[in-house]
Amino acid sequence: MQAIETKFLGPTNTRGSRVKATCWLKSITIEWDHSYNVEDNHKRAIDTLVMSLNYDRKDEGGMAWKVVAMGESVDGKGKTAIIDLA
């Protein structure tokens, strides 16, 4: 199992809104997609991070994971998820 924390990053003068997903191995940042709701944007960031961590398992047909638990982060600016890699 792996814990992943996401955080909303507001827009700046040069960049739009983003979501950052972080685990103990690495982090990624994706652009905010206004066609999705808040929960789905954070889930997209989690999915993108998991895919980048498991790029070498694509040939094995691996790439299976499920979100075991998800809730608000302590600071209220994101989500915390526990995932189970199959």
N, C-alpha and C. Protein backbone atom coordinates (compact mmCIF):
# COMPACT_ATOMS: atom_id res chain seq x y z
N MET A 1 0.83 -1.18 0.00
CA MET A 1 0.00 0.00 0.00
C MET A 1 0.88 1.24 0.00
N GLN A 2 0.32 2.30 -0.47
CA GLN A 2 1.06 3.55 -0.62
C GLN A 2 0.13 4.71 -0.27
N ALA A 3 0.64 5.67 0.46
CA ALA A 3 -0.13 6.87 0.76
C ALA A 3 0.25 7.96 -0.23
N ILE A 4 -0.74 8.63 -0.78
CA ILE A 4 -0.53 9.72 -1.71
C ILE A 4 -1.32 10.92 -1.22
N GLU A 5 -0.66 12.06 -1.20
CA GLU A 5 -1.33 13.29 -0.79
C GLU A 5 -1.39 14.23 -1.98
N THR A 6 -2.56 14.83 -2.18
CA THR A 6 -2.70 15.81 -3.25
C THR A 6 -2.92 17.18 -2.64
N LYS A 7 -2.59 18.19 -3.42
CA LYS A 7 -2.74 19.57 -2.94
C LYS A 7 -3.11 20.46 -4.12
N PHE A 8 -4.09 21.32 -3.91
CA PHE A 8 -4.47 22.29 -4.92
C PHE A 8 -3.47 23.43 -4.91
N LEU A 9 -2.98 23.81 -6.08
CA LEU A 9 -2.08 24.95 -6.23
C LEU A 9 -2.80 26.01 -7.05
N GLY A 10 -3.07 27.13 -6.45
CA GLY A 10 -3.79 28.19 -7.13
C GLY A 10 -3.00 28.82 -8.26
N PRO A 11 -3.69 29.59 -9.09
CA PRO A 11 -3.03 30.21 -10.24
C PRO A 11 -2.02 31.28 -9.81
N THR A 12 -1.03 31.47 -10.67
CA THR A 12 -0.04 32.54 -10.47
C THR A 12 -0.12 33.47 -11.67
N ASN A 13 0.80 34.40 -11.78
CA ASN A 13 0.83 35.29 -12.93
C ASN A 13 1.19 34.57 -14.22
N THR A 14 1.87 33.44 -14.10
CA THR A 14 2.34 32.74 -15.29
C THR A 14 1.75 31.36 -15.50
N ARG A 15 1.09 30.80 -14.49
CA ARG A 15 0.55 29.44 -14.60
C ARG A 15 -0.88 29.41 -14.09
N GLY A 16 -1.65 28.48 -14.65
CA GLY A 16 -3.01 28.28 -14.18
C GLY A 16 -3.04 27.41 -12.93
N SER A 17 -4.23 27.09 -12.46
CA SER A 17 -4.39 26.22 -11.30
C SER A 17 -3.86 24.83 -11.61
N ARG A 18 -3.35 24.16 -10.58
CA ARG A 18 -2.76 22.84 -10.72
C ARG A 18 -3.08 21.99 -9.51
N VAL A 19 -2.83 20.70 -9.63
CA VAL A 19 -2.92 19.76 -8.52
C VAL A 19 -1.59 19.02 -8.44
N LYS A 20 -1.03 18.97 -7.24
CA LYS A 20 0.23 18.26 -7.03
C LYS A 20 -0.06 17.00 -6.23
N ALA A 21 0.44 15.86 -6.70
CA ALA A 21 0.31 14.59 -6.00
C ALA A 21 1.70 14.16 -5.54
N THR A 22 1.81 13.77 -4.27
CA THR A 22 3.10 13.44 -3.68
C THR A 22 3.02 12.13 -2.92
N CYS A 23 4.04 11.28 -3.09
CA CYS A 23 4.22 10.11 -2.26
C CYS A 23 5.68 10.10 -1.83
N TRP A 24 6.11 9.09 -1.11
CA TRP A 24 7.48 9.12 -0.60
C TRP A 24 8.51 8.93 -1.70
N LEU A 25 8.13 8.44 -2.87
CA LEU A 25 9.09 8.23 -3.96
C LEU A 25 9.24 9.42 -4.90
N LYS A 26 8.13 10.11 -5.16
CA LYS A 26 8.19 11.18 -6.15
C LYS A 26 6.93 12.02 -6.07
N SER A 27 6.90 13.08 -6.86
CA SER A 27 5.69 13.91 -6.95
C SER A 27 5.50 14.35 -8.40
N ILE A 28 4.26 14.64 -8.74
CA ILE A 28 3.93 15.15 -10.08
C ILE A 28 2.94 16.29 -9.91
N THR A 29 2.89 17.15 -10.90
CA THR A 29 1.92 18.26 -10.90
C THR A 29 1.20 18.24 -12.24
N ILE A 30 -0.12 18.31 -12.19
CA ILE A 30 -0.92 18.34 -13.41
C ILE A 30 -1.75 19.62 -13.45
N GLU A 31 -2.11 20.03 -14.64
CA GLU A 31 -2.96 21.21 -14.81
C GLU A 31 -4.38 20.90 -14.35
N TRP A 32 -5.05 21.88 -13.78
CA TRP A 32 -6.44 21.76 -13.37
C TRP A 32 -7.32 21.69 -14.61
N ASP A 33 -8.21 20.73 -14.66
CA ASP A 33 -9.12 20.59 -15.79
C ASP A 33 -10.51 21.03 -15.33
N HIS A 34 -10.96 22.16 -15.86
CA HIS A 34 -12.23 22.74 -15.42
C HIS A 34 -13.45 21.93 -15.85
N SER A 35 -13.26 20.94 -16.71
CA SER A 35 -14.39 20.09 -17.10
C SER A 35 -14.65 19.00 -16.05
N TYR A 36 -13.76 18.86 -15.07
CA TYR A 36 -13.92 17.90 -13.98
C TYR A 36 -14.24 18.62 -12.68
N ASN A 37 -14.84 17.91 -11.73
CA ASN A 37 -15.08 18.50 -10.41
C ASN A 37 -13.81 18.37 -9.56
N VAL A 38 -13.85 18.88 -8.35
CA VAL A 38 -12.68 18.89 -7.47
C VAL A 38 -12.17 17.49 -7.20
N GLU A 39 -13.07 16.60 -6.80
CA GLU A 39 -12.69 15.23 -6.47
C GLU A 39 -12.02 14.53 -7.66
N ASP A 40 -12.60 14.71 -8.84
CA ASP A 40 -12.05 14.07 -10.04
C ASP A 40 -10.68 14.63 -10.43
N ASN A 41 -10.45 15.92 -10.22
CA ASN A 41 -9.14 16.50 -10.51
C ASN A 41 -8.08 15.90 -9.58
N HIS A 42 -8.41 15.72 -8.32
CA HIS A 42 -7.46 15.12 -7.38
C HIS A 42 -7.24 13.65 -7.72
N LYS A 43 -8.30 12.95 -8.12
CA LYS A 43 -8.18 11.54 -8.52
C LYS A 43 -7.32 11.41 -9.77
N ARG A 44 -7.44 12.34 -10.72
CA ARG A 44 -6.60 12.34 -11.92
C ARG A 44 -5.13 12.48 -11.55
N ALA A 45 -4.84 13.34 -10.57
CA ALA A 45 -3.45 13.52 -10.13
C ALA A 45 -2.92 12.23 -9.51
N ILE A 46 -3.75 11.57 -8.71
CA ILE A 46 -3.35 10.29 -8.11
C ILE A 46 -3.09 9.26 -9.20
N ASP A 47 -4.00 9.16 -10.15
CA ASP A 47 -3.84 8.19 -11.25
C ASP A 47 -2.57 8.46 -12.05
N THR A 48 -2.30 9.72 -12.32
CA THR A 48 -1.11 10.09 -13.09
C THR A 48 0.16 9.71 -12.33
N LEU A 49 0.19 9.96 -11.03
CA LEU A 49 1.35 9.60 -10.22
C LEU A 49 1.54 8.09 -10.19
N VAL A 50 0.47 7.33 -9.97
CA VAL A 50 0.58 5.87 -9.93
C VAL A 50 1.07 5.33 -11.27
N MET A 51 0.55 5.87 -12.36
CA MET A 51 1.01 5.41 -13.69
C MET A 51 2.49 5.72 -13.90
N SER A 52 2.94 6.88 -13.44
CA SER A 52 4.36 7.22 -13.62
C SER A 52 5.26 6.35 -12.73
N LEU A 53 4.76 5.92 -11.58
CA LEU A 53 5.54 5.05 -10.72
C LEU A 53 5.61 3.63 -11.26
N ASN A 54 4.63 3.26 -12.07
CA ASN A 54 4.53 1.88 -12.55
C ASN A 54 4.70 1.76 -14.05
N TYR A 55 5.38 2.70 -14.67
CA TYR A 55 5.54 2.67 -16.12
C TYR A 55 6.20 1.39 -16.60
N ASP A 56 7.05 0.79 -15.79
CA ASP A 56 7.75 -0.43 -16.17
C ASP A 56 6.87 -1.67 -16.08
N ARG A 57 5.68 -1.57 -15.47
CA ARG A 57 4.78 -2.71 -15.33
C ARG A 57 3.76 -2.78 -16.46
N LYS A 58 3.79 -1.84 -17.38
CA LYS A 58 2.80 -1.80 -18.46
C LYS A 58 2.80 -3.09 -19.28
N ASP A 59 3.98 -3.62 -19.56
CA ASP A 59 4.08 -4.82 -20.39
C ASP A 59 3.53 -6.05 -19.69
N GLU A 60 3.54 -6.07 -18.39
CA GLU A 60 3.05 -7.21 -17.63
C GLU A 60 1.53 -7.20 -17.50
N GLY A 61 0.89 -6.16 -17.97
CA GLY A 61 -0.55 -6.04 -17.78
C GLY A 61 -0.87 -5.66 -16.34
N GLY A 62 0.13 -5.27 -15.57
CA GLY A 62 -0.02 -4.88 -14.17
C GLY A 62 -0.93 -3.68 -14.02
N MET A 63 -0.42 -2.57 -13.80
CA MET A 63 -1.10 -1.28 -13.76
C MET A 63 -2.46 -1.30 -13.06
N ALA A 64 -2.72 -2.28 -12.23
CA ALA A 64 -4.01 -2.33 -11.53
C ALA A 64 -3.81 -1.79 -10.11
N TRP A 65 -4.67 -0.88 -9.72
CA TRP A 65 -4.65 -0.36 -8.38
C TRP A 65 -6.05 0.10 -8.03
N LYS A 66 -6.27 0.22 -6.75
CA LYS A 66 -7.55 0.77 -6.32
C LYS A 66 -7.32 1.68 -5.13
N VAL A 67 -8.15 2.68 -5.05
CA VAL A 67 -8.10 3.61 -3.92
C VAL A 67 -8.84 2.94 -2.77
N VAL A 68 -8.11 2.66 -1.68
CA VAL A 68 -8.70 1.98 -0.53
C VAL A 68 -9.43 2.98 0.35
N ALA A 69 -8.86 4.16 0.54
CA ALA A 69 -9.47 5.20 1.36
C ALA A 69 -9.05 6.56 0.84
N MET A 70 -9.96 7.53 0.96
CA MET A 70 -9.65 8.89 0.51
C MET A 70 -10.39 9.87 1.40
N GLY A 71 -9.70 10.91 1.79
CA GLY A 71 -10.32 11.93 2.64
C GLY A 71 -9.62 13.26 2.49
N GLU A 72 -10.11 14.25 3.20
CA GLU A 72 -9.51 15.58 3.17
C GLU A 72 -8.14 15.56 3.82
N SER A 73 -7.22 16.34 3.28
CA SER A 73 -5.90 16.45 3.89
C SER A 73 -6.01 17.29 5.16
N VAL A 74 -5.00 17.21 5.98
CA VAL A 74 -4.99 17.91 7.25
C VAL A 74 -5.14 19.42 7.07
N ASP A 75 -4.47 19.98 6.06
CA ASP A 75 -4.53 21.43 5.86
C ASP A 75 -5.78 21.87 5.10
N GLY A 76 -6.60 20.92 4.63
CA GLY A 76 -7.83 21.25 3.95
C GLY A 76 -7.65 21.72 2.51
N LYS A 77 -6.45 21.63 1.97
CA LYS A 77 -6.18 22.11 0.61
C LYS A 77 -6.08 20.99 -0.40
N GLY A 78 -6.35 19.77 0.03
CA GLY A 78 -6.21 18.66 -0.89
C GLY A 78 -6.84 17.40 -0.34
N LYS A 79 -6.38 16.28 -0.83
CA LYS A 79 -6.89 14.97 -0.44
C LYS A 79 -5.72 14.10 -0.04
N THR A 80 -6.01 13.09 0.80
CA THR A 80 -5.05 12.08 1.11
C THR A 80 -5.69 10.75 0.74
N ALA A 81 -4.97 9.91 0.00
CA ALA A 81 -5.50 8.63 -0.44
C ALA A 81 -4.54 7.52 -0.10
N ILE A 82 -5.09 6.37 0.22
CA ILE A 82 -4.33 5.15 0.40
C ILE A 82 -4.68 4.28 -0.79
N ILE A 83 -3.66 3.85 -1.52
CA ILE A 83 -3.91 3.00 -2.68
C ILE A 83 -3.30 1.63 -2.45
N ASP A 84 -3.89 0.64 -3.07
CA ASP A 84 -3.40 -0.73 -3.02
C ASP A 84 -3.02 -1.14 -4.43
N LEU A 85 -1.75 -1.43 -4.63
CA LEU A 85 -1.27 -1.85 -5.95
C LEU A 85 -1.47 -3.34 -6.09
N ALA A 86 -2.12 -3.75 -7.15
CA ALA A 86 -2.38 -5.17 -7.36
C ALA A 86 -1.28 -5.77 -8.22
